[in-house]
Each structure stands twice: as C-alpha cells, then as structure tokens.
C-alpha cells in the first residue's frame, strides 16, 4: 500500500478550560504507540500534526488519538483530517517542504 501524508487537528470542545495541551499530549502519546508498531513518522506543529505512512495505519492513529482524548475526559471532539494520497510517486514530509524551499521560499522563520 502506498504511503500518504496526512495532517490532523483534534480539538476538544466544552472542556470548561481554554487550554487543551493536556488533551493534545494524550493524543500524541497514543499516536506514538501506533507509530512505533506501524512505522509511521510524524511531526507535531502548533496547530496540528503531520503524519506519514500507510493509509490504514494513519486511520488507526487518528482513531487512537481521538479515543485518548475521550479517555482524558473530553466529551466532544472536532477533528479535521486532510490526506494527500499521491499514487504517481512516493512523497515524504521532508520532500514536500524541500520542494517549496527549492523554489526560493523560506519555509520557516523562528
């Protein structure tokens, strides 16, 4: 099965607190478990997480991330998932960033 690049953002709603980092941390811990057993690669960003791997494993990771947030006390989640399923050539997280940088754009400024 070809690899995909996905970006997921899961936001707990109605937690009674504006901070969500505790929920996000639990989701990332769940992702790490799936990543270790399924060979996924991921990068946590400020507003979401990029995941690279086989599609079925990405689906599994997102499900486990949601379940971890529910287990942490969330009652409702808003999940946004974008998947780049390219079949003409294999892509990686790094290659997608590199392609933009090669065209002269600064891809990061910290």
PDB file of N, CA and C in Angstrom:
ATOM      1  N   UNK A   1       0.844  -1.179   0.000  1.00  0.00           N
ATOM      2  CA  UNK A   1       0.000   0.000   0.000  1.00  0.00           C
ATOM      3  C   UNK A   1       0.893   1.247   0.000  1.00  0.00           C
ATOM      4  N   UNK A   2       0.557   2.234  -0.837  1.00  0.00           N
ATOM      5  CA  UNK A   2       1.366   3.451  -0.894  1.00  0.00           C
ATOM      6  C   UNK A   2       1.258   4.268   0.386  1.00  0.00           C
ATOM      7  N   UNK A   3       2.279   5.071   0.612  1.00  0.00           N
ATOM      8  CA  UNK A   3       2.267   5.952   1.766  1.00  0.00           C
ATOM      9  C   UNK A   3       1.461   7.203   1.448  1.00  0.00           C
ATOM     10  N   UNK A   4       0.881   7.771   2.495  1.00  0.00           N
ATOM     11  CA  UNK A   4       0.157   9.028   2.384  1.00  0.00           C
ATOM     12  C   UNK A   4       0.788  10.024   3.349  1.00  0.00           C
ATOM     13  N   UNK A   5       0.498  11.284   3.111  1.00  0.00           N
ATOM     14  CA  UNK A   5       0.849  12.352   4.036  1.00  0.00           C
ATOM     15  C   UNK A   5      -0.481  12.897   4.539  1.00  0.00           C
ATOM     16  N   UNK A   6      -0.635  12.962   5.844  1.00  0.00           N
ATOM     17  CA  UNK A   6      -1.881  13.450   6.423  1.00  0.00           C
ATOM     18  C   UNK A   6      -1.583  14.551   7.421  1.00  0.00           C
ATOM     19  N   UNK A   7      -2.577  15.392   7.630  1.00  0.00           N
ATOM     20  CA  UNK A   7      -2.495  16.404   8.678  1.00  0.00           C
ATOM     21  C   UNK A   7      -3.775  16.313   9.487  1.00  0.00           C
ATOM     22  N   UNK A   8      -3.629  16.169  10.804  1.00  0.00           N
ATOM     23  CA  UNK A   8      -4.792  16.037  11.670  1.00  0.00           C
ATOM     24  C   UNK A   8      -4.747  17.096  12.761  1.00  0.00           C
ATOM     25  N   UNK A   9      -5.905  17.630  13.050  1.00  0.00           N
ATOM     26  CA  UNK A   9      -6.092  18.550  14.159  1.00  0.00           C
ATOM     27  C   UNK A   9      -7.330  18.076  14.910  1.00  0.00           C
ATOM     28  N   UNK A  10      -7.180  17.812  16.195  1.00  0.00           N
ATOM     29  CA  UNK A  10      -8.302  17.352  17.015  1.00  0.00           C
ATOM     30  C   UNK A  10      -8.469  18.329  18.165  1.00  0.00           C
ATOM     31  N   UNK A  11      -9.631  18.944  18.246  1.00  0.00           N
ATOM     32  CA  UNK A  11      -9.891  19.964  19.252  1.00  0.00           C
ATOM     33  C   UNK A  11     -11.010  19.493  20.170  1.00  0.00           C
ATOM     34  N   UNK A  12     -10.722  19.377  21.481  1.00  0.00           N
ATOM     35  CA  UNK A  12     -11.794  19.043  22.419  1.00  0.00           C
ATOM     36  C   UNK A  12     -12.686  20.263  22.640  1.00  0.00           C
ATOM     37  N   UNK A  13     -13.980  20.041  22.670  1.00  0.00           N
ATOM     38  CA  UNK A  13     -14.944  21.126  22.820  1.00  0.00           C
ATOM     39  C   UNK A  13     -15.683  20.942  24.151  1.00  0.00           C
ATOM     40  N   UNK A  14     -15.908  22.054  24.830  1.00  0.00           N
ATOM     41  CA  UNK A  14     -16.707  22.021  26.050  1.00  0.00           C
ATOM     42  C   UNK A  14     -15.996  21.399  27.239  1.00  0.00           C
ATOM     43  N   UNK A  15     -14.697  21.627  27.342  1.00  0.00           N
ATOM     44  CA  UNK A  15     -13.944  21.036  28.456  1.00  0.00           C
ATOM     45  C   UNK A  15     -13.980  21.912  29.704  1.00  0.00           C
ATOM     46  N   UNK A  16     -14.483  23.137  29.581  1.00  0.00           N
ATOM     47  CA  UNK A  16     -14.514  24.045  30.710  1.00  0.00           C
ATOM     48  C   UNK A  16     -13.215  24.807  30.906  1.00  0.00           C
ATOM     49  N   UNK A  17     -12.259  24.611  30.007  1.00  0.00           N
ATOM     50  CA  UNK A  17     -10.961  25.282  30.094  1.00  0.00           C
ATOM     51  C   UNK A  17     -10.527  25.645  28.678  1.00  0.00           C
ATOM     52  N   UNK A  18      -9.904  26.799  28.531  1.00  0.00           N
ATOM     53  CA  UNK A  18      -9.437  27.198  27.199  1.00  0.00           C
ATOM     54  C   UNK A  18      -8.162  26.473  26.804  1.00  0.00           C
ATOM     55  N   UNK A  19      -7.398  25.970  27.762  1.00  0.00           N
ATOM     56  CA  UNK A  19      -6.178  25.222  27.464  1.00  0.00           C
ATOM     57  C   UNK A  19      -6.499  23.794  27.057  1.00  0.00           C
ATOM     58  N   UNK A  20      -5.832  23.331  26.005  1.00  0.00           N
ATOM     59  CA  UNK A  20      -6.089  21.970  25.520  1.00  0.00           C
ATOM     60  C   UNK A  20      -4.821  21.115  25.463  1.00  0.00           C
ATOM     61  N   UNK A  21      -3.690  21.647  25.957  1.00  0.00           N
ATOM     62  CA  UNK A  21      -2.425  20.922  25.821  1.00  0.00           C
ATOM     63  C   UNK A  21      -2.427  19.563  26.507  1.00  0.00           C
ATOM     64  N   UNK A  22      -3.147  19.423  27.616  1.00  0.00           N
ATOM     65  CA  UNK A  22      -3.206  18.115  28.293  1.00  0.00           C
ATOM     66  C   UNK A  22      -3.896  17.078  27.400  1.00  0.00           C
ATOM     67  N   UNK A  23      -4.933  17.489  26.698  1.00  0.00           N
ATOM     68  CA  UNK A  23      -5.627  16.586  25.775  1.00  0.00           C
ATOM     69  C   UNK A  23      -4.737  16.256  24.579  1.00  0.00           C
ATOM     70  N   UNK A  24      -4.073  17.275  24.049  1.00  0.00           N
ATOM     71  CA  UNK A  24      -3.177  17.063  22.910  1.00  0.00           C
ATOM     72  C   UNK A  24      -2.049  16.111  23.290  1.00  0.00           C
ATOM     73  N   UNK A  25      -1.498  16.277  24.478  1.00  0.00           N
ATOM     74  CA  UNK A  25      -0.418  15.390  24.928  1.00  0.00           C
ATOM     75  C   UNK A  25      -0.874  13.937  24.961  1.00  0.00           C
ATOM     76  N   UNK A  26      -2.077  13.696  25.432  1.00  0.00           N
ATOM     77  CA  UNK A  26      -2.596  12.320  25.461  1.00  0.00           C
ATOM     78  C   UNK A  26      -2.770  11.775  24.047  1.00  0.00           C
ATOM     79  N   UNK A  27      -3.230  12.617  23.133  1.00  0.00           N
ATOM     80  CA  UNK A  27      -3.396  12.192  21.740  1.00  0.00           C
ATOM     81  C   UNK A  27      -2.046  11.848  21.121  1.00  0.00           C
ATOM     82  N   UNK A  28      -1.032  12.652  21.395  1.00  0.00           N
ATOM     83  CA  UNK A  28       0.299  12.408  20.822  1.00  0.00           C
ATOM     84  C   UNK A  28       0.904  11.136  21.413  1.00  0.00           C
ATOM     85  N   UNK A  29       0.668  10.870  22.682  1.00  0.00           N
ATOM     86  CA  UNK A  29       1.138   9.611  23.290  1.00  0.00           C
ATOM     87  C   UNK A  29       0.498   8.408  22.582  1.00  0.00           C
ATOM     88  N   UNK A  30      -0.783   8.527  22.245  1.00  0.00           N
ATOM     89  CA  UNK A  30      -1.467   7.454  21.522  1.00  0.00           C
ATOM     90  C   UNK A  30      -0.901   7.304  20.115  1.00  0.00           C
ATOM     91  N   UNK A  31      -0.627   8.420  19.471  1.00  0.00           N
ATOM     92  CA  UNK A  31      -0.017   8.389  18.136  1.00  0.00           C
ATOM     93  C   UNK A  31       1.333   7.700  18.184  1.00  0.00           C
ATOM     94  N   UNK A  32       2.130   8.002  19.194  1.00  0.00           N
ATOM     95  CA  UNK A  32       3.462   7.400  19.321  1.00  0.00           C
ATOM     96  C   UNK A  32       3.370   5.876  19.384  1.00  0.00           C
ATOM     97  N   UNK A  33       2.401   5.349  20.105  1.00  0.00           N
ATOM     98  CA  UNK A  33       2.235   3.892  20.193  1.00  0.00           C
ATOM     99  C   UNK A  33       1.928   3.283  18.827  1.00  0.00           C
ATOM    100  N   UNK A  34       1.018   3.908  18.098  1.00  0.00           N
ATOM    101  CA  UNK A  34       0.675   3.409  16.762  1.00  0.00           C
ATOM    102  C   UNK A  34       1.869   3.583  15.828  1.00  0.00           C
ATOM    103  N   UNK A  35       2.557   4.702  15.943  1.00  0.00           N
ATOM    104  CA  UNK A  35       3.719   4.966  15.084  1.00  0.00           C
ATOM    105  C   UNK A  35       4.797   3.916  15.280  1.00  0.00           C
ATOM    106  N   UNK A  36       5.059   3.558  16.512  1.00  0.00           N
ATOM    107  CA  UNK A  36       6.096   2.565  16.794  1.00  0.00           C
ATOM    108  C   UNK A  36       5.758   1.199  16.196  1.00  0.00           C
ATOM    109  N   UNK A  37       4.506   0.806  16.282  1.00  0.00           N
ATOM    110  CA  UNK A  37       4.138  -0.528  15.799  1.00  0.00           C
ATOM    111  C   UNK A  37       3.822  -0.584  14.312  1.00  0.00           C
ATOM    112  N   UNK A  38       3.618   0.579  13.684  1.00  0.00           N
ATOM    113  CA  UNK A  38       3.225   0.593  12.271  1.00  0.00           C
ATOM    114  C   UNK A  38       4.162   1.384  11.372  1.00  0.00           C
ATOM    115  N   UNK A  39       5.269   1.852  11.902  1.00  0.00           N
ATOM    116  CA  UNK A  39       6.243   2.556  11.078  1.00  0.00           C
ATOM    117  C   UNK A  39       5.812   3.927  10.605  1.00  0.00           C
ATOM    118  N   UNK A  40       4.926   4.575  11.346  1.00  0.00           N
ATOM    119  CA  UNK A  40       4.515   5.924  10.973  1.00  0.00           C
ATOM    120  C   UNK A  40       5.587   6.929  11.378  1.00  0.00           C
ATOM    121  N   UNK A  41       5.661   8.012  10.640  1.00  0.00           N
ATOM    122  CA  UNK A  41       6.500   9.150  11.005  1.00  0.00           C
ATOM    123  C   UNK A  41       5.545  10.310  11.233  1.00  0.00           C
ATOM    124  N   UNK A  42       5.891  11.200  12.170  1.00  0.00           N
ATOM    125  CA  UNK A  42       5.004  12.331  12.414  1.00  0.00           C
ATOM    126  C   UNK A  42       5.778  13.546  12.882  1.00  0.00           C
ATOM    127  N   UNK A  43       5.132  14.703  12.755  1.00  0.00           N
ATOM    128  CA  UNK A  43       5.716  15.976  13.173  1.00  0.00           C
ATOM    129  C   UNK A  43       4.597  16.790  13.821  1.00  0.00           C
ATOM    130  N   UNK A  44       4.767  17.099  15.105  1.00  0.00           N
ATOM    131  CA  UNK A  44       3.780  17.899  15.822  1.00  0.00           C
ATOM    132  C   UNK A  44       4.057  19.369  15.548  1.00  0.00           C
ATOM    133  N   UNK A  45       3.030  20.079  15.121  1.00  0.00           N
ATOM    134  CA  UNK A  45       3.115  21.517  14.854  1.00  0.00           C
ATOM    135  C   UNK A  45       2.202  22.249  15.838  1.00  0.00           C
ATOM    136  N   UNK A  46       2.198  23.553  15.779  1.00  0.00           N
ATOM    137  CA  UNK A  46       1.400  24.347  16.711  1.00  0.00           C
ATOM    138  C   UNK A  46      -0.109  24.138  16.550  1.00  0.00           C
ATOM    139  N   UNK A  47      -0.554  23.881  15.333  1.00  0.00           N
ATOM    140  CA  UNK A  47      -1.992  23.800  15.073  1.00  0.00           C
ATOM    141  C   UNK A  47      -2.458  22.435  14.580  1.00  0.00           C
ATOM    142  N   UNK A  48      -1.574  21.454  14.556  1.00  0.00           N
ATOM    143  CA  UNK A  48      -1.946  20.127  14.086  1.00  0.00           C
ATOM    144  C   UNK A  48      -0.717  19.251  14.009  1.00  0.00           C
ATOM    145  N   UNK A  49      -0.916  18.048  13.522  1.00  0.00           N
ATOM    146  CA  UNK A  49       0.166  17.073  13.430  1.00  0.00           C
ATOM    147  C   UNK A  49       0.185  16.463  12.035  1.00  0.00           C
ATOM    148  N   UNK A  50       1.357  16.461  11.414  1.00  0.00           N
ATOM    149  CA  UNK A  50       1.538  15.818  10.110  1.00  0.00           C
ATOM    150  C   UNK A  50       1.957  14.369  10.357  1.00  0.00           C
ATOM    151  N   UNK A  51       1.369  13.458   9.606  1.00  0.00           N
ATOM    152  CA  UNK A  51       1.649  12.030   9.751  1.00  0.00           C
ATOM    153  C   UNK A  51       1.960  11.454   8.382  1.00  0.00           C
ATOM    154  N   UNK A  52       2.981  10.603   8.312  1.00  0.00           N
ATOM    155  CA  UNK A  52       3.375   9.943   7.063  1.00  0.00           C
ATOM    156  C   UNK A  52       3.355   8.437   7.284  1.00  0.00           C
ATOM    157  N   UNK A  53       2.693   7.711   6.386  1.00  0.00           N
ATOM    158  CA  UNK A  53       2.675   6.251   6.484  1.00  0.00           C
ATOM    159  C   UNK A  53       1.568   5.651   5.653  1.00  0.00           C
ATOM    160  N   UNK A  54       1.376   4.362   5.819  1.00  0.00           N
ATOM    161  CA  UNK A  54       0.320   3.675   5.080  1.00  0.00           C
ATOM    162  C   UNK A  54      -1.047   4.166   5.556  1.00  0.00           C
ATOM    163  N   UNK A  55      -1.980   4.270   4.617  1.00  0.00           N
ATOM    164  CA  UNK A  55      -3.288   4.855   4.898  1.00  0.00           C
ATOM    165  C   UNK A  55      -4.001   4.161   6.062  1.00  0.00           C
ATOM    166  N   UNK A  56      -4.038   2.841   6.066  1.00  0.00           N
ATOM    167  CA  UNK A  56      -4.725   2.130   7.144  1.00  0.00           C
ATOM    168  C   UNK A  56      -4.125   2.460   8.504  1.00  0.00           C
ATOM    169  N   UNK A  57      -2.823   2.620   8.563  1.00  0.00           N
ATOM    170  CA  UNK A  57      -2.162   2.959   9.822  1.00  0.00           C
ATOM    171  C   UNK A  57      -2.474   4.391  10.242  1.00  0.00           C
ATOM    172  N   UNK A  58      -2.597   5.285   9.274  1.00  0.00           N
ATOM    173  CA  UNK A  58      -2.965   6.663   9.584  1.00  0.00           C
ATOM    174  C   UNK A  58      -4.381   6.709  10.155  1.00  0.00           C
ATOM    175  N   UNK A  59      -5.308   5.979   9.537  1.00  0.00           N
ATOM    176  CA  UNK A  59      -6.687   5.905  10.072  1.00  0.00           C
ATOM    177  C   UNK A  59      -6.660   5.402  11.512  1.00  0.00           C
ATOM    178  N   UNK A  60      -5.897   4.344  11.742  1.00  0.00           N
ATOM    179  CA  UNK A  60      -5.801   3.766  13.082  1.00  0.00           C
ATOM    180  C   UNK A  60      -5.247   4.791  14.072  1.00  0.00           C
ATOM    181  N   UNK A  61      -4.220   5.524  13.664  1.00  0.00           N
ATOM    182  CA  UNK A  61      -3.609   6.523  14.536  1.00  0.00           C
ATOM    183  C   UNK A  61      -4.619   7.603  14.914  1.00  0.00           C
ATOM    184  N   UNK A  62      -5.365   8.101  13.948  1.00  0.00           N
ATOM    185  CA  UNK A  62      -6.341   9.153  14.220  1.00  0.00           C
ATOM    186  C   UNK A  62      -7.416   8.632  15.177  1.00  0.00           C
ATOM    187  N   UNK A  63      -7.876   7.419  14.953  1.00  0.00           N
ATOM    188  CA  UNK A  63      -8.874   6.826  15.859  1.00  0.00           C
ATOM    189  C   UNK A  63      -8.319   6.737  17.275  1.00  0.00           C
ATOM    190  N   UNK A  64      -7.096   6.257  17.419  1.00  0.00           N
ATOM    191  CA  UNK A  64      -6.489   6.127  18.748  1.00  0.00           C
ATOM    192  C   UNK A  64      -6.268   7.486  19.396  1.00  0.00           C
ATOM    193  N   UNK A  65      -5.926   8.488  18.598  1.00  0.00           N
ATOM    194  CA  UNK A  65      -5.761   9.837  19.123  1.00  0.00           C
ATOM    195  C   UNK A  65      -7.088  10.362  19.675  1.00  0.00           C
ATOM    196  N   UNK A  66      -8.166  10.129  18.938  1.00  0.00           N
ATOM    197  CA  UNK A  66      -9.482  10.554  19.412  1.00  0.00           C
ATOM    198  C   UNK A  66      -9.851   9.825  20.705  1.00  0.00           C
ATOM    199  N   UNK A  67      -9.654   8.526  20.722  1.00  0.00           N
ATOM    200  CA  UNK A  67     -10.018   7.739  21.912  1.00  0.00           C
ATOM    201  C   UNK A  67      -9.218   8.181  23.129  1.00  0.00           C
ATOM    202  N   UNK A  68      -7.955   8.568  22.928  1.00  0.00           N
ATOM    203  CA  UNK A  68      -7.132   9.043  24.042  1.00  0.00           C
ATOM    204  C   UNK A  68      -7.697  10.342  24.620  1.00  0.00           C
ATOM    205  N   UNK A  69      -8.198  11.209  23.749  1.00  0.00           N
ATOM    206  CA  UNK A  69      -8.782  12.460  24.231  1.00  0.00           C
ATOM    207  C   UNK A  69     -10.081  12.201  24.988  1.00  0.00           C
ATOM    208  N   UNK A  70     -10.879  11.270  24.491  1.00  0.00           N
ATOM    209  CA  UNK A  70     -12.102  10.911  25.218  1.00  0.00           C
ATOM    210  C   UNK A  70     -11.750  10.316  26.580  1.00  0.00           C
ATOM    211  N   UNK A  71     -10.756   9.460  26.615  1.00  0.00           N
ATOM    212  CA  UNK A  71     -10.330   8.847  27.872  1.00  0.00           C
ATOM    213  C   UNK A  71      -9.806   9.899  28.855  1.00  0.00           C
ATOM    214  N   UNK A  72      -9.283  11.001  28.326  1.00  0.00           N
ATOM    215  CA  UNK A  72      -8.771  12.080  29.174  1.00  0.00           C
ATOM    216  C   UNK A  72      -9.889  12.997  29.684  1.00  0.00           C
ATOM    217  N   UNK A  73     -11.117  12.736  29.240  1.00  0.00           N
ATOM    218  CA  UNK A  73     -12.250  13.495  29.752  1.00  0.00           C
ATOM    219  C   UNK A  73     -13.001  14.350  28.757  1.00  0.00           C
ATOM    220  N   UNK A  74     -12.549  14.384  27.520  1.00  0.00           N
ATOM    221  CA  UNK A  74     -13.286  15.159  26.515  1.00  0.00           C
ATOM    222  C   UNK A  74     -14.639  14.499  26.254  1.00  0.00           C
ATOM    223  N   UNK A  75     -15.640  15.327  26.061  1.00  0.00           N
ATOM    224  CA  UNK A  75     -16.988  14.822  25.768  1.00  0.00           C
ATOM    225  C   UNK A  75     -17.345  14.985  24.298  1.00  0.00           C
ATOM    226  N   UNK A  76     -16.620  15.869  23.620  1.00  0.00           N
ATOM    227  CA  UNK A  76     -16.891  16.144  22.207  1.00  0.00           C
ATOM    228  C   UNK A  76     -15.582  16.564  21.562  1.00  0.00           C
ATOM    229  N   UNK A  77     -15.362  16.120  20.322  1.00  0.00           N
ATOM    230  CA  UNK A  77     -14.149  16.456  19.586  1.00  0.00           C
ATOM    231  C   UNK A  77     -14.496  16.978  18.203  1.00  0.00           C
ATOM    232  N   UNK A  78     -13.739  17.957  17.762  1.00  0.00           N
ATOM    233  CA  UNK A  78     -13.828  18.435  16.383  1.00  0.00           C
ATOM    234  C   UNK A  78     -12.532  18.018  15.701  1.00  0.00           C
ATOM    235  N   UNK A  79     -12.629  17.082  14.768  1.00  0.00           N
ATOM    236  CA  UNK A  79     -11.450  16.540  14.104  1.00  0.00           C
ATOM    237  C   UNK A  79     -11.427  16.981  12.648  1.00  0.00           C
ATOM    238  N   UNK A  80     -10.292  17.529  12.247  1.00  0.00           N
ATOM    239  CA  UNK A  80     -10.066  17.894  10.854  1.00  0.00           C
ATOM    240  C   UNK A  80      -8.918  17.035  10.348  1.00  0.00           C
ATOM    241  N   UNK A  81      -9.168  16.289   9.280  1.00  0.00           N
ATOM    242  CA  UNK A  81      -8.162  15.388   8.712  1.00  0.00           C
ATOM    243  C   UNK A  81      -8.047  15.664   7.222  1.00  0.00           C
ATOM    244  N   UNK A  82      -6.817  15.960   6.793  1.00  0.00           N
ATOM    245  CA  UNK A  82      -6.526  16.138   5.369  1.00  0.00           C
ATOM    246  C   UNK A  82      -5.527  15.072   4.975  1.00  0.00           C
ATOM    247  N   UNK A  83      -5.776  14.410   3.838  1.00  0.00           N
ATOM    248  CA  UNK A  83      -4.902  13.331   3.383  1.00  0.00           C
ATOM    249  C   UNK A  83      -4.462  13.596   1.959  1.00  0.00           C
ATOM    250  N   UNK A  84      -3.142  13.548   1.748  1.00  0.00           N
ATOM    251  CA  UNK A  84      -2.554  13.642   0.414  1.00  0.00           C
ATOM    252  C   UNK A  84      -2.186  12.217   0.017  1.00  0.00           C
ATOM    253  N   UNK A  85      -2.996  11.628  -0.833  1.00  0.00           N
ATOM    254  CA  UNK A  85      -2.811  10.234  -1.274  1.00  0.00           C
ATOM    255  C   UNK A  85      -2.327  10.279  -2.721  1.00  0.00           C
ATOM    256  N   UNK A  86      -1.026  10.386  -2.884  1.00  0.00           N
ATOM    257  CA  UNK A  86      -0.434  10.522  -4.214  1.00  0.00           C
ATOM    258  C   UNK A  86       0.041   9.155  -4.688  1.00  0.00           C
ATOM    259  N   UNK A  87      -0.372   8.754  -5.894  1.00  0.00           N
ATOM    260  CA  UNK A  87      -0.052   7.420  -6.395  1.00  0.00           C
ATOM    261  C   UNK A  87       1.002   7.415  -7.495  1.00  0.00           C
ATOM    262  N   UNK A  88       1.367   8.593  -8.037  1.00  0.00           N
ATOM    263  CA  UNK A  88       2.329   8.592  -9.136  1.00  0.00           C
ATOM    264  C   UNK A  88       3.773   8.542  -8.658  1.00  0.00           C
ATOM    265  N   UNK A  89       4.036   8.942  -7.416  1.00  0.00           N
ATOM    266  CA  UNK A  89       5.369   8.811  -6.846  1.00  0.00           C
ATOM    267  C   UNK A  89       5.260   8.891  -5.329  1.00  0.00           C
ATOM    268  N   UNK A  90       6.264   8.340  -4.669  1.00  0.00           N
ATOM    269  CA  UNK A  90       6.252   8.351  -3.211  1.00  0.00           C
ATOM    270  C   UNK A  90       6.699   9.709  -2.692  1.00  0.00           C
ATOM    271  N   UNK A  91       5.989  10.248  -1.727  1.00  0.00           N
ATOM    272  CA  UNK A  91       6.310  11.526  -1.104  1.00  0.00           C
ATOM    273  C   UNK A  91       6.672  11.316   0.354  1.00  0.00           C
ATOM    274  N   UNK A  92       7.402  12.262   0.902  1.00  0.00           N
ATOM    275  CA  UNK A  92       7.716  12.268   2.325  1.00  0.00           C
ATOM    276  C   UNK A  92       7.436  13.666   2.866  1.00  0.00           C
ATOM    277  N   UNK A  93       7.347  13.768   4.177  1.00  0.00           N
ATOM    278  CA  UNK A  93       7.156  15.073   4.799  1.00  0.00           C
ATOM    279  C   UNK A  93       8.271  16.031   4.398  1.00  0.00           C
ATOM    280  N   UNK A  94       9.511  15.533   4.444  1.00  0.00           N
ATOM    281  CA  UNK A  94      10.658  16.374   4.114  1.00  0.00           C
ATOM    282  C   UNK A  94      10.646  16.808   2.660  1.00  0.00           C
ATOM    283  N   UNK A  95      10.298  15.892   1.764  1.00  0.00           N
ATOM    284  CA  UNK A  95      10.314  16.189   0.331  1.00  0.00           C
ATOM    285  C   UNK A  95       9.299  17.275  -0.019  1.00  0.00           C
ATOM    286  N   UNK A  96       8.149  17.253   0.619  1.00  0.00           N
ATOM    287  CA  UNK A  96       7.140  18.277   0.340  1.00  0.00           C
ATOM    288  C   UNK A  96       7.647  19.657   0.756  1.00  0.00           C
ATOM    289  N   UNK A  97       8.304  19.747   1.889  1.00  0.00           N
ATOM    290  CA  UNK A  97       8.875  21.015   2.345  1.00  0.00           C
ATOM    291  C   UNK A  97      10.028  21.439   1.443  1.00  0.00           C
ATOM    292  N   UNK A  98      10.862  20.491   1.076  1.00  0.00           N
ATOM    293  CA  UNK A  98      12.020  20.773   0.228  1.00  0.00           C
ATOM    294  C   UNK A  98      11.586  21.315  -1.133  1.00  0.00           C
ATOM    295  N   UNK A  99      10.520  20.778  -1.674  1.00  0.00           N
ATOM    296  CA  UNK A  99      10.041  21.221  -2.980  1.00  0.00           C
ATOM    297  C   UNK A  99       9.677  22.706  -2.957  1.00  0.00           C
ATOM    298  N   UNK A 100       9.112  23.174  -1.855  1.00  0.00           N
ATOM    299  CA  UNK A 100       8.762  24.589  -1.726  1.00  0.00           C
ATOM    300  C   UNK A 100      10.034  25.430  -1.550  1.00  0.00           C
ATOM    301  N   UNK A 101      10.945  24.944  -0.717  1.00  0.00           N
ATOM    302  CA  UNK A 101      12.199  25.666  -0.469  1.00  0.00           C
ATOM    303  C   UNK A 101      13.032  25.802  -1.739  1.00  0.00           C
ATOM    304  N   UNK A 102      13.016  24.780  -2.580  1.00  0.00           N
ATOM    305  CA  UNK A 102      13.790  24.820  -3.826  1.00  0.00           C
ATOM    306  C   UNK A 102      13.294  25.896  -4.778  1.00  0.00           C
ATOM    307  N   UNK A 103      12.097  26.361  -4.554  1.00  0.00           N
ATOM    308  CA  UNK A 103      11.543  27.421  -5.405  1.00  0.00           C
ATOM    309  C   UNK A 103      11.772  28.797  -4.802  1.00  0.00           C
ATOM    310  N   UNK A 104      12.663  28.860  -3.790  1.00  0.00           N
ATOM    311  CA  UNK A 104      13.081  30.140  -3.236  1.00  0.00           C
ATOM    312  C   UNK A 104      12.284  30.649  -2.052  1.00  0.00           C
ATOM    313  N   UNK A 105      11.352  29.881  -1.550  1.00  0.00           N
ATOM    314  CA  UNK A 105      10.550  30.338  -0.411  1.00  0.00           C
ATOM    315  C   UNK A 105      11.197  29.892   0.906  1.00  0.00           C
ATOM    316  N   UNK A 106      11.209  30.802   1.866  1.00  0.00           N
ATOM    317  CA  UNK A 106      11.679  30.455   3.203  1.00  0.00           C
ATOM    318  C   UNK A 106      10.561  29.692   3.893  1.00  0.00           C
ATOM    319  N   UNK A 107      10.822  28.458   4.279  1.00  0.00           N
ATOM    320  CA  UNK A 107       9.766  27.614   4.831  1.00  0.00           C
ATOM    321  C   UNK A 107       9.662  27.683   6.345  1.00  0.00           C
ATOM    322  N   UNK A 108      10.573  28.443   6.970  1.00  0.00           N
ATOM    323  CA  UNK A 108      10.495  28.558   8.427  1.00  0.00           C
ATOM    324  C   UNK A 108      11.233  29.809   8.874  1.00  0.00           C
ATOM    325  N   UNK A 109      10.650  30.470   9.834  1.00  0.00           N
ATOM    326  CA  UNK A 109      11.315  31.614  10.465  1.00  0.00           C
ATOM    327  C   UNK A 109      10.918  31.597  11.929  1.00  0.00           C
ATOM    328  N   UNK A 110      11.870  31.321  12.768  1.00  0.00           N
ATOM    329  CA  UNK A 110      11.577  31.211  14.200  1.00  0.00           C
ATOM    330  C   UNK A 110      12.217  32.347  14.957  1.00  0.00           C
TER     331      UNK A 110
END
